[in-house]
């Protein structure tokens, strides 16, 4: 993710004003460390800007997705997460605490013609399991 000044300038070029709210949202996403929800960003920003709306947070997050600075990840009925890693990658998700981590799986691309008439745009691989912290809480093993 670009630095806050570069992001604000990018949004400006897209016709969006560089408001203090948008700046605070960008700062909260960066501070969130990777896979934030709109609600977690809202709570973080609201601590310093009590009048900010959840709508403003969603609109800003969607704008950042539109300009390619965030990706939106929705899996397993969980709230959408906004990922600061925009290069192609995959995810590990903890079944217990819902922590999401980036991971690179090495996989062969689907064979051309395997699904006639279907054009693959991108792939998302999600591996579900238990993170190290939750394994320790459950008594050690991944099946705990």
Protein backbone atom coordinates (compact mmCIF):
# COMPACT_ATOMS: atom_id res chain seq x y z
CA UNK A 1 0.00 0.00 0.00
CA UNK A 2 1.31 3.43 -0.93
CA UNK A 3 2.16 5.98 1.72
CA UNK A 4 -0.79 8.15 2.89
CA UNK A 5 0.21 11.23 0.88
CA UNK A 6 0.47 9.21 -2.35
CA UNK A 7 -2.89 7.56 -1.67
CA UNK A 8 -4.60 10.87 -1.01
CA UNK A 9 -3.14 12.21 -4.27
CA UNK A 10 -4.33 9.10 -6.12
CA UNK A 11 -7.86 9.60 -4.77
CA UNK A 12 -7.70 13.29 -5.74
CA UNK A 13 -6.85 12.32 -9.32
CA UNK A 14 -9.98 10.16 -9.27
CA UNK A 15 -12.08 13.19 -8.36
CA UNK A 16 -12.29 12.58 -4.60
CA UNK A 17 -11.38 15.32 -2.14
CA UNK A 18 -8.57 14.72 0.32
CA UNK A 19 -10.64 15.06 3.48
CA UNK A 20 -9.35 14.54 7.02
CA UNK A 21 -11.73 11.56 7.24
CA UNK A 22 -10.22 9.85 4.21
CA UNK A 23 -6.72 10.50 5.54
CA UNK A 24 -7.68 8.99 8.93
CA UNK A 25 -9.19 5.95 7.21
CA UNK A 26 -6.01 5.39 5.19
CA UNK A 27 -3.95 5.70 8.38
CA UNK A 28 -6.21 3.20 10.19
CA UNK A 29 -5.97 0.67 7.35
CA UNK A 30 -2.17 0.95 7.36
CA UNK A 31 -2.05 0.62 11.15
CA UNK A 32 -4.41 -2.38 11.03
CA UNK A 33 -1.69 -4.55 9.61
CA UNK A 34 -3.26 -6.22 6.65
CA UNK A 35 -6.75 -7.71 6.78
CA UNK A 36 -9.02 -5.12 8.35
CA UNK A 37 -12.79 -5.01 8.42
CA UNK A 38 -14.76 -1.84 7.74
CA UNK A 39 -16.01 -2.00 11.32
CA UNK A 40 -12.50 -2.22 12.80
CA UNK A 41 -11.43 0.78 10.69
CA UNK A 42 -14.59 2.63 11.75
CA UNK A 43 -13.93 1.97 15.45
CA UNK A 44 -10.32 3.06 15.11
CA UNK A 45 -11.11 6.29 13.26
CA UNK A 46 -14.13 7.08 15.42
CA UNK A 47 -11.89 7.25 18.49
CA UNK A 48 -10.41 10.47 17.09
CA UNK A 49 -13.34 11.57 14.91
CA UNK A 50 -16.58 10.78 16.73
CA UNK A 51 -18.77 12.14 13.93
CA UNK A 52 -17.40 9.93 11.15
CA UNK A 53 -19.95 7.63 9.57
CA UNK A 54 -19.62 3.96 8.73
CA UNK A 55 -20.82 4.92 5.22
CA UNK A 56 -17.75 7.17 4.79
CA UNK A 57 -15.49 4.30 5.83
CA UNK A 58 -17.12 1.91 3.35
CA UNK A 59 -17.02 4.45 0.52
CA UNK A 60 -13.33 5.15 1.13
CA UNK A 61 -12.45 1.45 1.35
CA UNK A 62 -14.33 0.77 -1.89
CA UNK A 63 -12.51 3.70 -3.53
CA UNK A 64 -9.17 2.21 -2.45
CA UNK A 65 -10.22 -1.14 -3.93
CA UNK A 66 -11.25 0.60 -7.17
CA UNK A 67 -7.84 2.25 -7.55
CA UNK A 68 -6.03 -1.02 -6.82
CA UNK A 69 -4.62 -0.15 -3.39
CA UNK A 70 -6.67 -2.73 -1.48
CA UNK A 71 -8.28 -6.03 -2.32
CA UNK A 72 -11.58 -7.11 -0.83
CA UNK A 73 -11.65 -10.61 0.61
CA UNK A 74 -14.96 -12.26 1.49
CA UNK A 75 -14.94 -15.89 2.62
CA UNK A 76 -17.00 -18.21 4.74
CA UNK A 77 -19.78 -15.77 5.60
CA UNK A 78 -17.34 -13.54 7.47
CA UNK A 79 -17.43 -9.76 7.07
CA UNK A 80 -15.39 -8.49 4.13
CA UNK A 81 -11.74 -7.93 4.91
CA UNK A 82 -9.64 -5.33 3.16
CA UNK A 83 -6.17 -6.57 2.31
CA UNK A 84 -3.23 -4.23 1.82
CA UNK A 85 -1.35 -6.87 -0.17
CA UNK A 86 -2.59 -6.45 -3.71
CA UNK A 87 -0.19 -8.78 -5.53
CA UNK A 88 -1.58 -12.24 -6.32
CA UNK A 89 -1.49 -14.37 -3.17
CA UNK A 90 -3.64 -16.71 -1.07
CA UNK A 91 -4.78 -16.92 2.55
CA UNK A 92 -4.69 -19.01 5.70
CA UNK A 93 -7.73 -18.53 7.97
CA UNK A 94 -7.93 -19.72 11.55
CA UNK A 95 -11.13 -21.62 12.32
CA UNK A 96 -11.10 -20.43 15.94
CA UNK A 97 -10.06 -16.76 15.98
CA UNK A 98 -10.61 -15.89 12.26
CA UNK A 99 -7.08 -14.53 11.91
CA UNK A 100 -6.11 -14.23 8.26
CA UNK A 101 -2.56 -14.52 7.03
CA UNK A 102 -1.13 -14.19 3.54
CA UNK A 103 0.53 -17.24 2.05
CA UNK A 104 1.91 -18.20 -1.33
CA UNK A 105 0.86 -21.64 -2.53
CA UNK A 106 2.71 -23.03 -5.49
CA UNK A 107 0.09 -24.50 -7.77
CA UNK A 108 -0.15 -25.35 -11.42
CA UNK A 109 -2.48 -23.17 -13.45
CA UNK A 110 -5.64 -24.87 -14.71
CA UNK A 111 -5.06 -26.64 -17.99
CA UNK A 112 -6.35 -24.68 -20.97
CA UNK A 113 -9.56 -26.20 -22.24
CA UNK A 114 -10.26 -28.04 -18.97
CA UNK A 115 -13.47 -26.05 -18.58
CA UNK A 116 -14.58 -25.10 -22.10
CA UNK A 117 -16.27 -21.72 -22.28
CA UNK A 118 -14.94 -20.55 -18.91
CA UNK A 119 -12.37 -17.78 -18.80
CA UNK A 120 -10.42 -17.62 -15.53
CA UNK A 121 -9.69 -14.07 -14.38
CA UNK A 122 -7.95 -14.87 -11.10
CA UNK A 123 -7.87 -17.57 -8.44
CA UNK A 124 -8.29 -17.42 -4.68
CA UNK A 125 -7.09 -20.28 -2.53
CA UNK A 126 -8.07 -20.34 1.14
CA UNK A 127 -6.67 -22.86 3.59
CA UNK A 128 -8.63 -23.24 6.83
CA UNK A 129 -6.95 -24.48 9.98
CA UNK A 130 -5.77 -23.29 13.38
CA UNK A 131 -3.13 -20.66 13.99
CA UNK A 132 -0.28 -21.32 16.39
CA UNK A 133 -1.91 -19.33 19.21
CA UNK A 134 -5.21 -21.22 18.96
CA UNK A 135 -3.42 -24.57 18.76
CA UNK A 136 -1.64 -23.72 22.02
CA UNK A 137 -4.93 -22.78 23.67
CA UNK A 138 -6.55 -26.02 22.48
CA UNK A 139 -3.80 -28.19 23.86
CA UNK A 140 -1.22 -28.35 21.16
CA UNK A 141 -2.37 -30.14 18.03
CA UNK A 142 -4.06 -28.67 14.99
CA UNK A 143 -7.06 -30.93 15.58
CA UNK A 144 -7.05 -29.82 19.27
